[in-house]
Amino acid sequence: MNKLKEFFEGVKKEMSKVTWPNQKELVDNTTIVVVFSIIISLVIFGMDRVFSTILEIIY
């Protein structure tokens, strides 16, 4: 039981060191992630279409 208490005290101590982003940082970072996810998915889609077309021509 003592180890459990030490664990939660350690968690509380570490969580007090965490710096949480403010709303503007959160919105900015979320926007960046969404935009790059869309870009990467479009690149992968384009590559898939090109390779599919090449394979259709070959076979």
PDB file of N, CA and C in Angstrom:
ATOM      1  N   MET A   1       0.823  -1.192   0.000  1.00  0.00           N
ATOM      2  CA  MET A   1       0.000   0.000   0.000  1.00  0.00           C
ATOM      3  C   MET A   1       0.869   1.258   0.000  1.00  0.00           C
ATOM      4  N   ASN A   2       2.035   1.180   0.634  1.00  0.00           N
ATOM      5  CA  ASN A   2       2.939   2.315   0.704  1.00  0.00           C
ATOM      6  C   ASN A   2       3.484   2.661  -0.686  1.00  0.00           C
ATOM      7  N   LYS A   3       3.757   1.635  -1.516  1.00  0.00           N
ATOM      8  CA  LYS A   3       4.268   1.876  -2.869  1.00  0.00           C
ATOM      9  C   LYS A   3       3.226   2.579  -3.730  1.00  0.00           C
ATOM     10  N   LEU A   4       1.966   2.238  -3.527  1.00  0.00           N
ATOM     11  CA  LEU A   4       0.887   2.874  -4.272  1.00  0.00           C
ATOM     12  C   LEU A   4       0.806   4.356  -3.915  1.00  0.00           C
ATOM     13  N   LYS A   5       0.944   4.652  -2.649  1.00  0.00           N
ATOM     14  CA  LYS A   5       0.917   6.045  -2.189  1.00  0.00           C
ATOM     15  C   LYS A   5       2.102   6.809  -2.789  1.00  0.00           C
ATOM     16  N   GLU A   6       3.282   6.203  -2.789  1.00  0.00           N
ATOM     17  CA  GLU A   6       4.465   6.834  -3.375  1.00  0.00           C
ATOM     18  C   GLU A   6       4.276   7.082  -4.869  1.00  0.00           C
ATOM     19  N   PHE A   7       3.647   6.120  -5.525  1.00  0.00           N
ATOM     20  CA  PHE A   7       3.402   6.260  -6.956  1.00  0.00           C
ATOM     21  C   PHE A   7       2.548   7.490  -7.240  1.00  0.00           C
ATOM     22  N   PHE A   8       1.420   7.619  -6.533  1.00  0.00           N
ATOM     23  CA  PHE A   8       0.529   8.744  -6.778  1.00  0.00           C
ATOM     24  C   PHE A   8       1.150  10.073  -6.360  1.00  0.00           C
ATOM     25  N   GLU A   9       1.985  10.070  -5.345  1.00  0.00           N
ATOM     26  CA  GLU A   9       2.698  11.293  -4.976  1.00  0.00           C
ATOM     27  C   GLU A   9       3.671  11.690  -6.078  1.00  0.00           C
ATOM     28  N   GLY A  10       4.330  10.693  -6.669  1.00  0.00           N
ATOM     29  CA  GLY A  10       5.237  10.961  -7.785  1.00  0.00           C
ATOM     30  C   GLY A  10       4.494  11.484  -9.001  1.00  0.00           C
ATOM     31  N   VAL A  11       3.327  10.905  -9.269  1.00  0.00           N
ATOM     32  CA  VAL A  11       2.508  11.373 -10.393  1.00  0.00           C
ATOM     33  C   VAL A  11       2.104  12.825 -10.173  1.00  0.00           C
ATOM     34  N   LYS A  12       1.660  13.145  -8.975  1.00  0.00           N
ATOM     35  CA  LYS A  12       1.241  14.514  -8.660  1.00  0.00           C
ATOM     36  C   LYS A  12       2.413  15.484  -8.822  1.00  0.00           C
ATOM     37  N   LYS A  13       3.583  15.071  -8.375  1.00  0.00           N
ATOM     38  CA  LYS A  13       4.769  15.930  -8.472  1.00  0.00           C
ATOM     39  C   LYS A  13       5.147  16.171  -9.944  1.00  0.00           C
ATOM     40  N   GLU A  14       5.121  15.117 -10.739  1.00  0.00           N
ATOM     41  CA  GLU A  14       5.480  15.250 -12.157  1.00  0.00           C
ATOM     42  C   GLU A  14       4.439  16.066 -12.926  1.00  0.00           C
ATOM     43  N   MET A  15       3.167  15.878 -12.599  1.00  0.00           N
ATOM     44  CA  MET A  15       2.117  16.626 -13.295  1.00  0.00           C
ATOM     45  C   MET A  15       2.193  18.115 -13.004  1.00  0.00           C
ATOM     46  N   SER A  16       2.749  18.487 -11.854  1.00  0.00           N
ATOM     47  CA  SER A  16       2.898  19.906 -11.543  1.00  0.00           C
ATOM     48  C   SER A  16       3.985  20.542 -12.407  1.00  0.00           C
ATOM     49  N   LYS A  17       4.858  19.741 -13.008  1.00  0.00           N
ATOM     50  CA  LYS A  17       5.923  20.240 -13.876  1.00  0.00           C
ATOM     51  C   LYS A  17       5.470  20.417 -15.325  1.00  0.00           C
ATOM     52  N   VAL A  18       4.320  19.861 -15.665  1.00  0.00           N
ATOM     53  CA  VAL A  18       3.841  19.889 -17.042  1.00  0.00           C
ATOM     54  C   VAL A  18       3.377  21.295 -17.400  1.00  0.00           C
ATOM     55  N   THR A  19       3.785  21.766 -18.568  1.00  0.00           N
ATOM     56  CA  THR A  19       3.274  23.035 -19.071  1.00  0.00           C
ATOM     57  C   THR A  19       2.276  22.732 -20.177  1.00  0.00           C
ATOM     58  N   TRP A  20       1.047  23.123 -19.965  1.00  0.00           N
ATOM     59  CA  TRP A  20      -0.021  22.848 -20.913  1.00  0.00           C
ATOM     60  C   TRP A  20      -0.110  23.987 -21.913  1.00  0.00           C
ATOM     61  N   PRO A  21      -0.437  23.678 -23.173  1.00  0.00           N
ATOM     62  CA  PRO A  21      -0.537  24.744 -24.176  1.00  0.00           C
ATOM     63  C   PRO A  21      -1.780  25.601 -23.936  1.00  0.00           C
ATOM     64  N   ASN A  22      -1.650  26.878 -24.321  1.00  0.00           N
ATOM     65  CA  ASN A  22      -2.838  27.720 -24.233  1.00  0.00           C
ATOM     66  C   ASN A  22      -3.717  27.453 -25.458  1.00  0.00           C
ATOM     67  N   GLN A  23      -4.876  28.101 -25.531  1.00  0.00           N
ATOM     68  CA  GLN A  23      -5.835  27.783 -26.583  1.00  0.00           C
ATOM     69  C   GLN A  23      -5.288  28.103 -27.967  1.00  0.00           C
ATOM     70  N   LYS A  24      -4.575  29.221 -28.111  1.00  0.00           N
ATOM     71  CA  LYS A  24      -4.033  29.588 -29.422  1.00  0.00           C
ATOM     72  C   LYS A  24      -3.013  28.558 -29.897  1.00  0.00           C
ATOM     73  N   GLU A  25      -2.115  28.119 -29.022  1.00  0.00           N
ATOM     74  CA  GLU A  25      -1.137  27.094 -29.384  1.00  0.00           C
ATOM     75  C   GLU A  25      -1.823  25.792 -29.768  1.00  0.00           C
ATOM     76  N   LEU A  26      -2.847  25.430 -29.025  1.00  0.00           N
ATOM     77  CA  LEU A  26      -3.574  24.197 -29.297  1.00  0.00           C
ATOM     78  C   LEU A  26      -4.257  24.244 -30.661  1.00  0.00           C
ATOM     79  N   VAL A  27      -4.917  25.370 -30.962  1.00  0.00           N
ATOM     80  CA  VAL A  27      -5.585  25.526 -32.252  1.00  0.00           C
ATOM     81  C   VAL A  27      -4.565  25.527 -33.382  1.00  0.00           C
ATOM     82  N   ASP A  28      -3.462  26.242 -33.213  1.00  0.00           N
ATOM     83  CA  ASP A  28      -2.414  26.290 -34.240  1.00  0.00           C
ATOM     84  C   ASP A  28      -1.838  24.903 -34.513  1.00  0.00           C
ATOM     85  N   ASN A  29      -1.497  24.186 -33.470  1.00  0.00           N
ATOM     86  CA  ASN A  29      -0.911  22.852 -33.642  1.00  0.00           C
ATOM     87  C   ASN A  29      -1.912  21.874 -34.252  1.00  0.00           C
ATOM     88  N   THR A  30      -3.173  21.971 -33.846  1.00  0.00           N
ATOM     89  CA  THR A  30      -4.203  21.103 -34.417  1.00  0.00           C
ATOM     90  C   THR A  30      -4.377  21.389 -35.903  1.00  0.00           C
ATOM     91  N   THR A  31      -4.377  22.662 -36.271  1.00  0.00           N
ATOM     92  CA  THR A  31      -4.501  23.046 -37.678  1.00  0.00           C
ATOM     93  C   THR A  31      -3.346  22.494 -38.495  1.00  0.00           C
ATOM     94  N   ILE A  32      -2.137  22.601 -37.976  1.00  0.00           N
ATOM     95  CA  ILE A  32      -0.965  22.080 -38.677  1.00  0.00           C
ATOM     96  C   ILE A  32      -1.096  20.577 -38.891  1.00  0.00           C
ATOM     97  N   VAL A  33      -1.503  19.853 -37.867  1.00  0.00           N
ATOM     98  CA  VAL A  33      -1.638  18.401 -37.973  1.00  0.00           C
ATOM     99  C   VAL A  33      -2.708  18.028 -38.997  1.00  0.00           C
ATOM    100  N   VAL A  34      -3.844  18.717 -38.987  1.00  0.00           N
ATOM    101  CA  VAL A  34      -4.926  18.405 -39.929  1.00  0.00           C
ATOM    102  C   VAL A  34      -4.491  18.703 -41.362  1.00  0.00           C
ATOM    103  N   VAL A  35      -3.859  19.856 -41.578  1.00  0.00           N
ATOM    104  CA  VAL A  35      -3.422  20.235 -42.928  1.00  0.00           C
ATOM    105  C   VAL A  35      -2.395  19.237 -43.458  1.00  0.00           C
ATOM    106  N   PHE A  36      -1.404  18.892 -42.673  1.00  0.00           N
ATOM    107  CA  PHE A  36      -0.391  17.950 -43.141  1.00  0.00           C
ATOM    108  C   PHE A  36      -0.960  16.543 -43.324  1.00  0.00           C
ATOM    109  N   SER A  37      -1.939  16.170 -42.520  1.00  0.00           N
ATOM    110  CA  SER A  37      -2.590  14.868 -42.712  1.00  0.00           C
ATOM    111  C   SER A  37      -3.318  14.826 -44.055  1.00  0.00           C
ATOM    112  N   ILE A  38      -3.994  15.911 -44.384  1.00  0.00           N
ATOM    113  CA  ILE A  38      -4.682  15.982 -45.676  1.00  0.00           C
ATOM    114  C   ILE A  38      -3.682  15.954 -46.824  1.00  0.00           C
ATOM    115  N   ILE A  39      -2.591  16.701 -46.699  1.00  0.00           N
ATOM    116  CA  ILE A  39      -1.570  16.730 -47.755  1.00  0.00           C
ATOM    117  C   ILE A  39      -0.972  15.342 -47.964  1.00  0.00           C
ATOM    118  N   ILE A  40      -0.605  14.682 -46.886  1.00  0.00           N
ATOM    119  CA  ILE A  40      -0.004  13.349 -46.991  1.00  0.00           C
ATOM    120  C   ILE A  40      -0.992  12.356 -47.586  1.00  0.00           C
ATOM    121  N   SER A  41      -2.264  12.441 -47.177  1.00  0.00           N
ATOM    122  CA  SER A  41      -3.253  11.515 -47.740  1.00  0.00           C
ATOM    123  C   SER A  41      -3.448  11.762 -49.230  1.00  0.00           C
ATOM    124  N   LEU A  42      -3.393  13.006 -49.673  1.00  0.00           N
ATOM    125  CA  LEU A  42      -3.505  13.303 -51.105  1.00  0.00           C
ATOM    126  C   LEU A  42      -2.288  12.798 -51.877  1.00  0.00           C
ATOM    127  N   VAL A  43      -1.111  12.920 -51.289  1.00  0.00           N
ATOM    128  CA  VAL A  43       0.102  12.401 -51.934  1.00  0.00           C
ATOM    129  C   VAL A  43       0.010  10.884 -52.075  1.00  0.00           C
ATOM    130  N   ILE A  44      -0.391  10.210 -51.027  1.00  0.00           N
ATOM    131  CA  ILE A  44      -0.521   8.747 -51.077  1.00  0.00           C
ATOM    132  C   ILE A  44      -1.596   8.343 -52.085  1.00  0.00           C
ATOM    133  N   PHE A  45      -2.712   9.068 -52.116  1.00  0.00           N
ATOM    134  CA  PHE A  45      -3.764   8.780 -53.084  1.00  0.00           C
ATOM    135  C   PHE A  45      -3.232   8.942 -54.512  1.00  0.00           C
ATOM    136  N   GLY A  46      -2.493  10.030 -54.754  1.00  0.00           N
ATOM    137  CA  GLY A  46      -1.924  10.266 -56.082  1.00  0.00           C
ATOM    138  C   GLY A  46      -0.950   9.172 -56.488  1.00  0.00           C
ATOM    139  N   MET A  47      -0.096   8.770 -55.564  1.00  0.00           N
ATOM    140  CA  MET A  47       0.853   7.701 -55.869  1.00  0.00           C
ATOM    141  C   MET A  47       0.119   6.401 -56.159  1.00  0.00           C
ATOM    142  N   ASP A  48      -0.933   6.111 -55.433  1.00  0.00           N
ATOM    143  CA  ASP A  48      -1.720   4.906 -55.646  1.00  0.00           C
ATOM    144  C   ASP A  48      -2.354   4.917 -57.039  1.00  0.00           C
ATOM    145  N   ARG A  49      -2.885   6.063 -57.421  1.00  0.00           N
ATOM    146  CA  ARG A  49      -3.499   6.160 -58.757  1.00  0.00           C
ATOM    147  C   ARG A  49      -2.457   5.971 -59.862  1.00  0.00           C
ATOM    148  N   VAL A  50      -1.286   6.572 -59.690  1.00  0.00           N
ATOM    149  CA  VAL A  50      -0.224   6.440 -60.694  1.00  0.00           C
ATOM    150  C   VAL A  50       0.219   4.989 -60.809  1.00  0.00           C
ATOM    151  N   PHE A  51       0.477   4.348 -59.677  1.00  0.00           N
ATOM    152  CA  PHE A  51       0.921   2.956 -59.711  1.00  0.00           C
ATOM    153  C   PHE A  51      -0.169   2.033 -60.258  1.00  0.00           C
ATOM    154  N   SER A  52      -1.424   2.307 -59.916  1.00  0.00           N
ATOM    155  CA  SER A  52      -2.510   1.494 -60.445  1.00  0.00           C
ATOM    156  C   SER A  52      -2.603   1.628 -61.965  1.00  0.00           C
ATOM    157  N   THR A  53      -2.442   2.836 -62.457  1.00  0.00           N
ATOM    158  CA  THR A  53      -2.494   3.072 -63.899  1.00  0.00           C
ATOM    159  C   THR A  53      -1.329   2.364 -64.592  1.00  0.00           C
ATOM    160  N   ILE A  54      -0.153   2.458 -64.018  1.00  0.00           N
ATOM    161  CA  ILE A  54       1.022   1.793 -64.599  1.00  0.00           C
ATOM    162  C   ILE A  54       0.806   0.285 -64.640  1.00  0.00           C
ATOM    163  N   LEU A  55       0.293  -0.279 -63.547  1.00  0.00           N
ATOM    164  CA  LEU A  55       0.065  -1.721 -63.502  1.00  0.00           C
ATOM    165  C   LEU A  55      -1.021  -2.155 -64.494  1.00  0.00           C
ATOM    166  N   GLU A  56      -2.046  -1.325 -64.691  1.00  0.00           N
ATOM    167  CA  GLU A  56      -3.081  -1.638 -65.677  1.00  0.00           C
ATOM    168  C   GLU A  56      -2.498  -1.644 -67.082  1.00  0.00           C
ATOM    169  N   ILE A  57      -1.589  -0.748 -67.358  1.00  0.00           N
ATOM    170  CA  ILE A  57      -0.956  -0.677 -68.687  1.00  0.00           C
ATOM    171  C   ILE A  57      -0.069  -1.906 -68.898  1.00  0.00           C
ATOM    172  N   ILE A  58       0.670  -2.291 -67.865  1.00  0.00           N
ATOM    173  CA  ILE A  58       1.581  -3.422 -67.993  1.00  0.00           C
ATOM    174  C   ILE A  58       0.813  -4.735 -68.129  1.00  0.00           C
ATOM    175  N   TYR A  59      -0.203  -4.935 -67.298  1.00  0.00           N
ATOM    176  CA  TYR A  59      -0.907  -6.222 -67.279  1.00  0.00           C
ATOM    177  C   TYR A  59      -2.199  -6.089 -68.003  1.00  0.00           C
TER     178      TYR A  59
END
